[in-house]
PDB file of N, CA and C in Angstrom:
ATOM      1  N   GLN A   1      14.320 -32.769-103.375  1.00  0.00           N
ATOM      2  CA  GLN A   1      14.530 -32.291-102.308  1.00  0.00           C
ATOM      3  C   GLN A   1      14.251 -33.159-101.014  1.00  0.00           C
ATOM      4  N   LYS A   2      13.385 -34.108-100.801  1.00  0.00           N
ATOM      5  CA  LYS A   2      13.424 -35.231 -99.852  1.00  0.00           C
ATOM      6  C   LYS A   2      15.237 -35.789 -99.229  1.00  0.00           C
ATOM      7  N   PHE A   3      15.377 -36.046-100.234  1.00  0.00           N
ATOM      8  CA  PHE A   3      17.011 -36.602-100.122  1.00  0.00           C
ATOM      9  C   PHE A   3      17.842 -35.369 -99.916  1.00  0.00           C
ATOM     10  N   GLN A   4      17.855 -34.573-100.235  1.00  0.00           N
ATOM     11  CA  GLN A   4      18.603 -33.166 -99.542  1.00  0.00           C
ATOM     12  C   GLN A   4      18.344 -32.567 -98.647  1.00  0.00           C
ATOM     13  N   ARG A   5      17.105 -33.054 -98.093  1.00  0.00           N
ATOM     14  CA  ARG A   5      16.834 -32.757 -96.496  1.00  0.00           C
ATOM     15  C   ARG A   5      17.190 -33.565 -95.733  1.00  0.00           C
ATOM     16  N   ARG A   6      17.061 -34.808 -95.870  1.00  0.00           N
ATOM     17  CA  ARG A   6      17.802 -35.978 -94.992  1.00  0.00           C
ATOM     18  C   ARG A   6      19.296 -35.901 -94.856  1.00  0.00           C
ATOM     19  N   LEU A   7      19.761 -35.705 -96.366  1.00  0.00           N
ATOM     20  CA  LEU A   7      21.033 -35.410 -95.984  1.00  0.00           C
ATOM     21  C   LEU A   7      21.600 -34.277 -95.338  1.00  0.00           C
ATOM     22  N   CYS A   8      21.003 -33.134 -95.354  1.00  0.00           N
ATOM     23  CA  CYS A   8      21.199 -32.095 -94.531  1.00  0.00           C
ATOM     24  C   CYS A   8      20.934 -32.417 -92.715  1.00  0.00           C
ATOM     25  N   ILE A   9      19.976 -32.941 -92.687  1.00  0.00           N
ATOM     26  CA  ILE A   9      19.458 -33.447 -91.054  1.00  0.00           C
ATOM     27  C   ILE A   9      20.621 -34.349 -90.825  1.00  0.00           C
ATOM     28  N   GLY A  10      20.762 -35.487 -91.712  1.00  0.00           N
ATOM     29  CA  GLY A  10      22.082 -36.188 -91.110  1.00  0.00           C
ATOM     30  C   GLY A  10      23.072 -35.228 -90.858  1.00  0.00           C
ATOM     31  N   SER A  11      23.786 -35.201 -91.711  1.00  0.00           N
ATOM     32  CA  SER A  11      25.205 -33.970 -91.350  1.00  0.00           C
ATOM     33  C   SER A  11      25.341 -33.256 -89.882  1.00  0.00           C
ATOM     34  N   ILE A  12      23.694 -32.729 -89.868  1.00  0.00           N
ATOM     35  CA  ILE A  12      23.686 -31.876 -88.628  1.00  0.00           C
ATOM     36  C   ILE A  12      23.988 -32.172 -87.362  1.00  0.00           C
ATOM     37  N   MET A  13      23.275 -33.518 -87.641  1.00  0.00           N
ATOM     38  CA  MET A  13      23.253 -34.303 -86.274  1.00  0.00           C
ATOM     39  C   MET A  13      24.426 -35.046 -85.948  1.00  0.00           C
ATOM     40  N   LEU A  14      25.119 -35.368 -87.424  1.00  0.00           N
ATOM     41  CA  LEU A  14      26.678 -35.987 -87.358  1.00  0.00           C
ATOM     42  C   LEU A  14      27.388 -34.886 -86.303  1.00  0.00           C
ATOM     43  N   ASP A  15      27.332 -34.077 -86.912  1.00  0.00           N
ATOM     44  CA  ASP A  15      28.306 -32.793 -86.374  1.00  0.00           C
ATOM     45  C   ASP A  15      27.625 -33.164 -84.952  1.00  0.00           C
ATOM     46  N   PHE A  16      26.658 -32.538 -84.392  1.00  0.00           N
ATOM     47  CA  PHE A  16      26.092 -32.074 -83.002  1.00  0.00           C
ATOM     48  C   PHE A  16      26.851 -33.331 -82.011  1.00  0.00           C
ATOM     49  N   CYS A  17      26.384 -34.529 -82.866  1.00  0.00           N
ATOM     50  CA  CYS A  17      26.984 -36.041 -81.955  1.00  0.00           C
ATOM     51  C   CYS A  17      28.857 -35.627 -81.689  1.00  0.00           C
ATOM     52  N   LYS A  18      29.386 -35.268 -82.933  1.00  0.00           N
ATOM     53  CA  LYS A  18      30.318 -35.332 -83.444  1.00  0.00           C
ATOM     54  C   LYS A  18      31.468 -34.537 -81.551  1.00  0.00           C
ATOM     55  N   SER A  19      30.542 -32.935 -81.695  1.00  0.00           N
ATOM     56  CA  SER A  19      30.719 -31.615 -80.595  1.00  0.00           C
ATOM     57  C   SER A  19      30.342 -32.488 -79.316  1.00  0.00           C
ATOM     58  N   SER A  20      29.581 -33.063 -78.930  1.00  0.00           N
ATOM     59  CA  SER A  20      28.860 -33.704 -77.521  1.00  0.00           C
ATOM     60  C   SER A  20      29.645 -35.082 -77.120  1.00  0.00           C
ATOM     61  N   GLY A  21      30.396 -35.454 -78.113  1.00  0.00           N
ATOM     62  CA  GLY A  21      31.437 -36.872 -77.500  1.00  0.00           C
ATOM     63  C   GLY A  21      30.364 -37.640 -77.945  1.00  0.00           C
ATOM     64  N   ASP A  22      29.254 -37.868 -78.740  1.00  0.00           N
ATOM     65  CA  ASP A  22      28.142 -38.952 -78.775  1.00  0.00           C
ATOM     66  C   ASP A  22      28.460 -40.107 -79.402  1.00  0.00           C
ATOM     67  N   GLU A  23      29.059 -41.348 -78.867  1.00  0.00           N
ATOM     68  CA  GLU A  23      30.156 -42.253 -79.991  1.00  0.00           C
ATOM     69  C   GLU A  23      28.437 -42.604 -80.201  1.00  0.00           C
ATOM     70  N   ASP A  24      27.290 -43.282 -79.698  1.00  0.00           N
ATOM     71  CA  ASP A  24      26.521 -43.980 -79.873  1.00  0.00           C
ATOM     72  C   ASP A  24      25.981 -43.252 -81.397  1.00  0.00           C
ATOM     73  N   GLY A  25      25.613 -41.902 -81.101  1.00  0.00           N
ATOM     74  CA  GLY A  25      25.153 -40.777 -82.316  1.00  0.00           C
ATOM     75  C   GLY A  25      25.426 -40.791 -82.997  1.00  0.00           C
ATOM     76  N   ILE A  26      27.200 -40.798 -82.984  1.00  0.00           N
ATOM     77  CA  ILE A  26      27.850 -41.024 -83.963  1.00  0.00           C
ATOM     78  C   ILE A  26      27.971 -42.006 -85.070  1.00  0.00           C
ATOM     79  N   PHE A  27      27.500 -43.318 -84.427  1.00  0.00           N
ATOM     80  CA  PHE A  27      27.365 -44.060 -85.338  1.00  0.00           C
ATOM     81  C   PHE A  27      26.365 -44.501 -86.087  1.00  0.00           C
ATOM     82  N   PHE A  28      25.277 -44.114 -85.198  1.00  0.00           N
ATOM     83  CA  PHE A  28      24.055 -44.126 -86.182  1.00  0.00           C
ATOM     84  C   PHE A  28      23.947 -43.095 -87.230  1.00  0.00           C
ATOM     85  N   TRP A  29      24.048 -41.879 -87.177  1.00  0.00           N
ATOM     86  CA  TRP A  29      23.902 -41.019 -87.788  1.00  0.00           C
ATOM     87  C   TRP A  29      24.780 -41.235 -88.929  1.00  0.00           C
ATOM     88  N   SER A  30      25.997 -41.813 -88.925  1.00  0.00           N
ATOM     89  CA  SER A  30      26.866 -42.034 -89.973  1.00  0.00           C
ATOM     90  C   SER A  30      26.120 -43.064 -91.140  1.00  0.00           C
ATOM     91  N   TYR A  31      25.615 -43.895 -89.799  1.00  0.00           N
ATOM     92  CA  TYR A  31      24.870 -45.125 -90.669  1.00  0.00           C
ATOM     93  C   TYR A  31      23.745 -44.316 -91.829  1.00  0.00           C
ATOM     94  N   ILE A  32      23.270 -43.683 -91.001  1.00  0.00           N
ATOM     95  CA  ILE A  32      21.828 -42.624 -92.008  1.00  0.00           C
ATOM     96  C   ILE A  32      22.489 -42.084 -93.274  1.00  0.00           C
ATOM     97  N   LEU A  33      23.953 -41.629 -92.926  1.00  0.00           N
ATOM     98  CA  LEU A  33      24.279 -40.906 -94.331  1.00  0.00           C
ATOM     99  C   LEU A  33      24.603 -41.879 -95.192  1.00  0.00           C
ATOM    100  N   CYS A  34      25.338 -42.882 -94.464  1.00  0.00           N
ATOM    101  CA  CYS A  34      25.754 -44.014 -95.513  1.00  0.00           C
ATOM    102  C   CYS A  34      24.572 -44.598 -96.307  1.00  0.00           C
ATOM    103  N   SER A  35      23.056 -44.943 -95.695  1.00  0.00           N
ATOM    104  CA  SER A  35      22.300 -45.440 -95.949  1.00  0.00           C
ATOM    105  C   SER A  35      21.738 -44.588 -97.299  1.00  0.00           C
ATOM    106  N   LEU A  36      21.772 -43.319 -97.275  1.00  0.00           N
ATOM    107  CA  LEU A  36      21.485 -42.155 -97.922  1.00  0.00           C
ATOM    108  C   LEU A  36      21.934 -42.257 -99.146  1.00  0.00           C
ATOM    109  N   ASP A  37      23.671 -42.560 -99.381  1.00  0.00           N
ATOM    110  CA  ASP A  37      24.468 -42.206-100.297  1.00  0.00           C
ATOM    111  C   ASP A  37      24.182 -43.449-100.816  1.00  0.00           C
ATOM    112  N   VAL A  38      23.914 -44.566-100.557  1.00  0.00           N
ATOM    113  CA  VAL A  38      23.662 -46.291-101.413  1.00  0.00           C
ATOM    114  C   VAL A  38      22.220 -45.808-101.916  1.00  0.00           C
ATOM    115  N   LEU A  39      20.954 -45.117-101.226  1.00  0.00           N
ATOM    116  CA  LEU A  39      19.968 -45.318-102.071  1.00  0.00           C
ATOM    117  C   LEU A  39      20.028 -43.886-102.908  1.00  0.00           C
ATOM    118  N   THR A  40      20.654 -43.251-102.738  1.00  0.00           N
ATOM    119  CA  THR A  40      20.857 -41.970-103.819  1.00  0.00           C
ATOM    120  C   THR A  40      19.453 -41.719-103.800  1.00  0.00           C
ATOM    121  N   GLN A  41      18.847 -40.668-104.571  1.00  0.00           N
ATOM    122  CA  GLN A  41      18.102 -39.695-104.537  1.00  0.00           C
ATOM    123  C   GLN A  41      17.367 -40.845-105.492  1.00  0.00           C
ATOM    124  N   THR A  42      17.371 -41.320-106.429  1.00  0.00           N
ATOM    125  CA  THR A  42      16.174 -41.878-106.974  1.00  0.00           C
ATOM    126  C   THR A  42      15.527 -43.209-106.025  1.00  0.00           C
ATOM    127  N   GLY A  43      15.986 -43.624-104.709  1.00  0.00           N
ATOM    128  CA  GLY A  43      15.722 -44.413-104.067  1.00  0.00           C
ATOM    129  C   GLY A  43      14.590 -44.278-102.828  1.00  0.00           C
ATOM    130  N   MET A  44      14.537 -42.776-102.714  1.00  0.00           N
ATOM    131  CA  MET A  44      13.739 -41.765-101.982  1.00  0.00           C
ATOM    132  C   MET A  44      12.505 -42.234-102.826  1.00  0.00           C
ATOM    133  N   SER A  45      11.103 -42.152-102.106  1.00  0.00           N
ATOM    134  CA  SER A  45      10.031 -42.487-102.223  1.00  0.00           C
ATOM    135  C   SER A  45       9.094 -41.669-103.386  1.00  0.00           C
ATOM    136  N   ASP A  46       8.749 -41.937-104.559  1.00  0.00           N
ATOM    137  CA  ASP A  46       8.167 -41.449-104.975  1.00  0.00           C
ATOM    138  C   ASP A  46       6.463 -40.460-104.219  1.00  0.00           C
ATOM    139  N   GLU A  47       5.997 -39.664-104.703  1.00  0.00           N
ATOM    140  CA  GLU A  47       4.912 -38.503-103.427  1.00  0.00           C
ATOM    141  C   GLU A  47       4.401 -38.044-105.100  1.00  0.00           C
ATOM    142  N   GLU A  48       2.560 -38.287-104.494  1.00  0.00           N
ATOM    143  CA  GLU A  48       1.903 -38.004-104.955  1.00  0.00           C
ATOM    144  C   GLU A  48       1.373 -36.913-104.329  1.00  0.00           C
ATOM    145  N   THR A  49       0.549 -35.461-104.679  1.00  0.00           N
ATOM    146  CA  THR A  49       0.111 -34.580-103.874  1.00  0.00           C
ATOM    147  C   THR A  49      -1.856 -34.906-104.246  1.00  0.00           C
ATOM    148  N   THR A  50      -2.353 -34.932-103.347  1.00  0.00           N
ATOM    149  CA  THR A  50      -4.261 -34.927-103.722  1.00  0.00           C
ATOM    150  C   THR A  50      -4.370 -33.898-102.688  1.00  0.00           C
ATOM    151  N   CYS A  51      -5.871 -33.407-102.705  1.00  0.00           N
ATOM    152  CA  CYS A  51      -6.184 -32.464-102.028  1.00  0.00           C
ATOM    153  C   CYS A  51      -7.401 -33.252-101.324  1.00  0.00           C
ATOM    154  N   ASP A  52      -7.456 -32.775 -99.956  1.00  0.00           N
ATOM    155  CA  ASP A  52      -8.660 -33.587 -98.946  1.00  0.00           C
ATOM    156  C   ASP A  52      -9.352 -32.273 -98.560  1.00  0.00           C
ATOM    157  N   ARG A  53     -10.309 -32.301 -98.500  1.00  0.00           N
ATOM    158  CA  ARG A  53     -11.257 -30.781 -98.557  1.00  0.00           C
ATOM    159  C   ARG A  53     -11.383 -31.091 -96.450  1.00  0.00           C
ATOM    160  N   LYS A  54     -11.893 -32.548 -96.058  1.00  0.00           N
ATOM    161  CA  LYS A  54     -11.829 -32.702 -94.900  1.00  0.00           C
ATOM    162  C   LYS A  54     -10.641 -31.954 -93.736  1.00  0.00           C
ATOM    163  N   ILE A  55      -9.444 -31.959 -94.569  1.00  0.00           N
ATOM    164  CA  ILE A  55      -8.553 -31.133 -93.368  1.00  0.00           C
ATOM    165  C   ILE A  55      -7.851 -30.084 -93.819  1.00  0.00           C
ATOM    166  N   ASN A  56      -8.951 -29.757 -95.086  1.00  0.00           N
ATOM    167  CA  ASN A  56      -8.654 -28.514 -95.310  1.00  0.00           C
ATOM    168  C   ASN A  56      -6.942 -27.832 -95.620  1.00  0.00           C
ATOM    169  N   GLY A  57      -6.681 -28.936 -96.964  1.00  0.00           N
ATOM    170  CA  GLY A  57      -5.238 -28.301 -97.228  1.00  0.00           C
ATOM    171  C   GLY A  57      -5.467 -30.115 -97.906  1.00  0.00           C
ATOM    172  N   SER A  58      -3.780 -29.851 -98.234  1.00  0.00           N
ATOM    173  CA  SER A  58      -2.966 -30.938 -99.402  1.00  0.00           C
ATOM    174  C   SER A  58      -2.481 -32.145 -98.378  1.00  0.00           C
ATOM    175  N   ILE A  59      -2.904 -33.376 -98.609  1.00  0.00           N
ATOM    176  CA  ILE A  59      -2.094 -34.292 -98.354  1.00  0.00           C
ATOM    177  C   ILE A  59      -0.683 -35.317 -99.334  1.00  0.00           C
ATOM    178  N   ARG A  60       0.199 -35.707 -99.380  1.00  0.00           N
ATOM    179  CA  ARG A  60       0.744 -36.529 -99.860  1.00  0.00           C
ATOM    180  C   ARG A  60       0.540 -38.013 -99.479  1.00  0.00           C
ATOM    181  N   VAL A  61       0.387 -38.533-101.105  1.00  0.00           N
ATOM    182  CA  VAL A  61       0.368 -40.176-101.263  1.00  0.00           C
ATOM    183  C   VAL A  61       1.490 -40.737-101.785  1.00  0.00           C
ATOM    184  N   ILE A  62       2.061 -41.507-100.553  1.00  0.00           N
ATOM    185  CA  ILE A  62       3.975 -42.114-100.778  1.00  0.00           C
ATOM    186  C   ILE A  62       3.723 -43.666-101.108  1.00  0.00           C
ATOM    187  N   PRO A  63       3.801 -43.888-102.105  1.00  0.00           N
ATOM    188  CA  PRO A  63       3.881 -45.129-102.326  1.00  0.00           C
ATOM    189  C   PRO A  63       4.726 -45.952-101.768  1.00  0.00           C
ATOM    190  N   ALA A  64       4.529 -47.389-101.349  1.00  0.00           N
ATOM    191  CA  ALA A  64       5.405 -48.224-100.512  1.00  0.00           C
ATOM    192  C   ALA A  64       6.035 -48.852-101.378  1.00  0.00           C
ATOM    193  N   ARG A  65       7.874 -48.455-101.345  1.00  0.00           N
ATOM    194  CA  ARG A  65       8.639 -49.388-102.115  1.00  0.00           C
ATOM    195  C   ARG A  65       8.854 -50.517-101.841  1.00  0.00           C
ATOM    196  N   THR A  66       8.209 -51.044-102.737  1.00  0.00           N
ATOM    197  CA  THR A  66       8.762 -52.970-102.468  1.00  0.00           C
ATOM    198  C   THR A  66       9.979 -53.006-102.817  1.00  0.00           C
ATOM    199  N   SER A  67      11.131 -52.306-102.704  1.00  0.00           N
ATOM    200  CA  SER A  67      12.490 -52.526-103.122  1.00  0.00           C
ATOM    201  C   SER A  67      12.993 -52.351-101.699  1.00  0.00           C
ATOM    202  N   HIS A  68      12.097 -51.619-100.924  1.00  0.00           N
ATOM    203  CA  HIS A  68      12.846 -51.302 -99.724  1.00  0.00           C
ATOM    204  C   HIS A  68      12.790 -52.356 -98.295  1.00  0.00           C
ATOM    205  N   HIS A  69      13.893 -52.455 -97.634  1.00  0.00           N
ATOM    206  CA  HIS A  69      13.148 -53.374 -96.507  1.00  0.00           C
ATOM    207  C   HIS A  69      12.701 -52.312 -95.411  1.00  0.00           C
ATOM    208  N   PRO A  70      11.319 -52.987 -94.927  1.00  0.00           N
ATOM    209  CA  PRO A  70      10.314 -52.252 -94.128  1.00  0.00           C
ATOM    210  C   PRO A  70      11.020 -51.366 -93.161  1.00  0.00           C
ATOM    211  N   THR A  71      11.717 -51.545 -92.664  1.00  0.00           N
ATOM    212  CA  THR A  71      12.218 -50.380 -91.362  1.00  0.00           C
ATOM    213  C   THR A  71      12.849 -49.477 -92.190  1.00  0.00           C
ATOM    214  N   PHE A  72      13.413 -49.186 -93.452  1.00  0.00           N
ATOM    215  CA  PHE A  72      13.795 -47.737 -93.838  1.00  0.00           C
ATOM    216  C   PHE A  72      12.573 -46.782 -93.764  1.00  0.00           C
ATOM    217  N   ARG A  73      11.442 -47.511 -93.569  1.00  0.00           N
ATOM    218  CA  ARG A  73      10.613 -46.377 -94.051  1.00  0.00           C
ATOM    219  C   ARG A  73      10.178 -45.812 -92.504  1.00  0.00           C
ATOM    220  N   ILE A  74      10.903 -46.890 -91.435  1.00  0.00           N
ATOM    221  CA  ILE A  74      10.020 -46.045 -89.926  1.00  0.00           C
ATOM    222  C   ILE A  74      12.061 -45.493 -89.534  1.00  0.00           C
ATOM    223  N   LEU A  75      12.701 -45.279 -90.473  1.00  0.00           N
ATOM    224  CA  LEU A  75      13.683 -44.752 -89.893  1.00  0.00           C
ATOM    225  C   LEU A  75      13.919 -43.992 -90.729  1.00  0.00           C
ATOM    226  N   PHE A  76      13.613 -43.301 -92.124  1.00  0.00           N
ATOM    227  CA  PHE A  76      13.138 -42.478 -92.811  1.00  0.00           C
ATOM    228  C   PHE A  76      12.383 -41.635 -91.643  1.00  0.00           C
ATOM    229  N   ARG A  77      11.160 -41.968 -91.410  1.00  0.00           N
ATOM    230  CA  ARG A  77      10.447 -41.251 -90.705  1.00  0.00           C
ATOM    231  C   ARG A  77      10.831 -40.598 -89.530  1.00  0.00           C
ATOM    232  N   TYR A  78      11.567 -41.348 -88.879  1.00  0.00           N
ATOM    233  CA  TYR A  78      12.613 -40.624 -87.516  1.00  0.00           C
ATOM    234  C   TYR A  78      13.334 -39.800 -88.036  1.00  0.00           C
ATOM    235  N   VAL A  79      14.321 -40.027 -89.416  1.00  0.00           N
ATOM    236  CA  VAL A  79      15.282 -38.804 -89.333  1.00  0.00           C
ATOM    237  C   VAL A  79      14.295 -37.355 -90.080  1.00  0.00           C
ATOM    238  N   ASP A  80      13.161 -37.572 -90.721  1.00  0.00           N
ATOM    239  CA  ASP A  80      12.371 -36.560 -90.764  1.00  0.00           C
ATOM    240  C   ASP A  80      11.511 -35.694 -89.742  1.00  0.00           C
ATOM    241  N   ASP A  81      11.376 -36.773 -88.452  1.00  0.00           N
ATOM    242  CA  ASP A  81      10.758 -36.125 -87.305  1.00  0.00           C
ATOM    243  C   ASP A  81      11.689 -35.066 -86.604  1.00  0.00           C
ATOM    244  N   ILE A  82      13.142 -35.221 -86.986  1.00  0.00           N
ATOM    245  CA  ILE A  82      14.271 -35.158 -86.073  1.00  0.00           C
ATOM    246  C   ILE A  82      14.301 -33.092 -85.760  1.00  0.00           C
ATOM    247  N   PRO A  83      14.044 -32.539 -86.955  1.00  0.00           N
ATOM    248  CA  PRO A  83      14.027 -31.272 -86.468  1.00  0.00           C
ATOM    249  C   PRO A  83      13.064 -30.633 -85.292  1.00  0.00           C
ATOM    250  N   SER A  84      11.520 -31.112 -85.653  1.00  0.00           N
ATOM    251  CA  SER A  84      10.890 -31.126 -84.308  1.00  0.00           C
ATOM    252  C   SER A  84      11.468 -31.393 -82.932  1.00  0.00           C
ATOM    253  N   LEU A  85      11.990 -32.738 -83.126  1.00  0.00           N
ATOM    254  CA  LEU A  85      12.668 -32.694 -81.868  1.00  0.00           C
ATOM    255  C   LEU A  85      13.705 -32.014 -81.081  1.00  0.00           C
ATOM    256  N   TYR A  86      14.496 -31.824 -82.421  1.00  0.00           N
ATOM    257  CA  TYR A  86      15.574 -30.823 -81.502  1.00  0.00           C
ATOM    258  C   TYR A  86      15.721 -29.482 -82.434  1.00  0.00           C
ATOM    259  N   PRO A  87      14.461 -28.492 -82.220  1.00  0.00           N
ATOM    260  CA  PRO A  87      14.276 -26.886 -82.751  1.00  0.00           C
ATOM    261  C   PRO A  87      15.526 -26.114 -82.283  1.00  0.00           C
ATOM    262  N   ASP A  88      16.417 -26.583 -81.684  1.00  0.00           N
ATOM    263  CA  ASP A  88      17.765 -25.649 -81.321  1.00  0.00           C
ATOM    264  C   ASP A  88      18.750 -25.963 -82.383  1.00  0.00           C
ATOM    265  N   LEU A  89      18.636 -26.580 -83.038  1.00  0.00           N
ATOM    266  CA  LEU A  89      19.736 -27.222 -84.249  1.00  0.00           C
ATOM    267  C   LEU A  89      19.290 -26.745 -85.639  1.00  0.00           C
ATOM    268  N   PHE A  90      17.652 -27.016 -85.778  1.00  0.00           N
ATOM    269  CA  PHE A  90      17.242 -26.639 -87.029  1.00  0.00           C
ATOM    270  C   PHE A  90      16.321 -25.019 -87.083  1.00  0.00           C
ATOM    271  N   ASN A  91      16.448 -24.338 -88.289  1.00  0.00           N
ATOM    272  CA  ASN A  91      15.956 -23.154 -88.805  1.00  0.00           C
ATOM    273  C   ASN A  91      14.550 -23.325 -89.005  1.00  0.00           C
ATOM    274  N   LYS A  92      13.510 -23.141 -88.807  1.00  0.00           N
ATOM    275  CA  LYS A  92      12.016 -23.302 -89.438  1.00  0.00           C
ATOM    276  C   LYS A  92      11.770 -22.377 -90.021  1.00  0.00           C
ATOM    277  N   ARG A  93      12.010 -22.614 -91.668  1.00  0.00           N
ATOM    278  CA  ARG A  93      11.265 -21.901 -92.920  1.00  0.00           C
ATOM    279  C   ARG A  93      10.527 -23.056 -93.786  1.00  0.00           C
ATOM    280  N   GLY A  94      10.148 -22.315 -94.739  1.00  0.00           N
ATOM    281  CA  GLY A  94       9.087 -22.492 -95.719  1.00  0.00           C
ATOM    282  C   GLY A  94       7.866 -23.081 -95.137  1.00  0.00           C
ATOM    283  N   ARG A  95       7.364 -23.944 -96.110  1.00  0.00           N
ATOM    284  CA  ARG A  95       6.318 -24.042 -96.104  1.00  0.00           C
ATOM    285  C   ARG A  95       5.632 -24.638 -94.455  1.00  0.00           C
ATOM    286  N   LYS A  96       4.379 -25.141 -94.243  1.00  0.00           N
ATOM    287  CA  LYS A  96       4.309 -25.893 -93.221  1.00  0.00           C
ATOM    288  C   LYS A  96       3.972 -27.171 -94.161  1.00  0.00           C
ATOM    289  N   PRO A  97       4.420 -28.762 -93.180  1.00  0.00           N
ATOM    290  CA  PRO A  97       4.968 -29.891 -93.694  1.00  0.00           C
ATOM    291  C   PRO A  97       3.601 -30.096 -93.741  1.00  0.00           C
ATOM    292  N   MET A  98       3.579 -31.255 -94.829  1.00  0.00           N
ATOM    293  CA  MET A  98       2.200 -31.886 -95.838  1.00  0.00           C
ATOM    294  C   MET A  98       2.324 -32.912 -94.868  1.00  0.00           C
ATOM    295  N   ILE A  99       0.939 -33.344 -94.993  1.00  0.00           N
ATOM    296  CA  ILE A  99       0.653 -34.547 -94.109  1.00  0.00           C
ATOM    297  C   ILE A  99       0.990 -35.631 -95.136  1.00  0.00           C
ATOM    298  N   ARG A 100       1.892 -36.831 -94.514  1.00  0.00           N
ATOM    299  CA  ARG A 100       1.971 -37.864 -95.578  1.00  0.00           C
ATOM    300  C   ARG A 100       1.212 -39.100 -95.187  1.00  0.00           C
ATOM    301  N   VAL A 101       0.676 -39.766 -96.675  1.00  0.00           N
ATOM    302  CA  VAL A 101       0.312 -41.100 -95.870  1.00  0.00           C
ATOM    303  C   VAL A 101       0.916 -41.844 -97.000  1.00  0.00           C
ATOM    304  N   THR A 102       1.367 -43.115 -96.767  1.00  0.00           N
ATOM    305  CA  THR A 102       1.835 -44.616 -97.197  1.00  0.00           C
ATOM    306  C   THR A 102       0.976 -45.377 -97.534  1.00  0.00           C
ATOM    307  N   ALA A 103       0.538 -45.606 -99.127  1.00  0.00           N
ATOM    308  CA  ALA A 103      -0.120 -46.357 -99.721  1.00  0.00           C
ATOM    309  C   ALA A 103       0.250 -47.662-100.427  1.00  0.00           C
ATOM    310  N   SER A 104      -0.125 -48.494-100.258  1.00  0.00           N
ATOM    311  CA  SER A 104       0.507 -49.971-101.119  1.00  0.00           C
ATOM    312  C   SER A 104      -0.330 -49.630-102.571  1.00  0.00           C
ATOM    313  N   ILE A 105       0.396 -49.462-103.600  1.00  0.00           N
ATOM    314  CA  ILE A 105      -0.097 -48.674-105.584  1.00  0.00           C
ATOM    315  C   ILE A 105       0.430 -50.209-105.962  1.00  0.00           C
TER     316      ILE A 105
END
């Protein structure tokens, strides 16, 4: 699901950059899609859902992947935040996003 969501975000943003003539954006989002193509779904981090009564809901513990360069975590966090930065391009649907916490396991 995470892989498909990131592919969708990347594709929407690439189309947006192409339509607005943003060459830097085209380069950036092409790189994102290429990275996803190389990593594939198995390259996305595993997740474990836990409950936390203090925040009235669930959080997701994401084991840090030692096989990835650390900047991938920053890069994909940015990709995951894009729908909130461009609400006109993305429909809000589905469940409320879960809080994610990266942990060294």
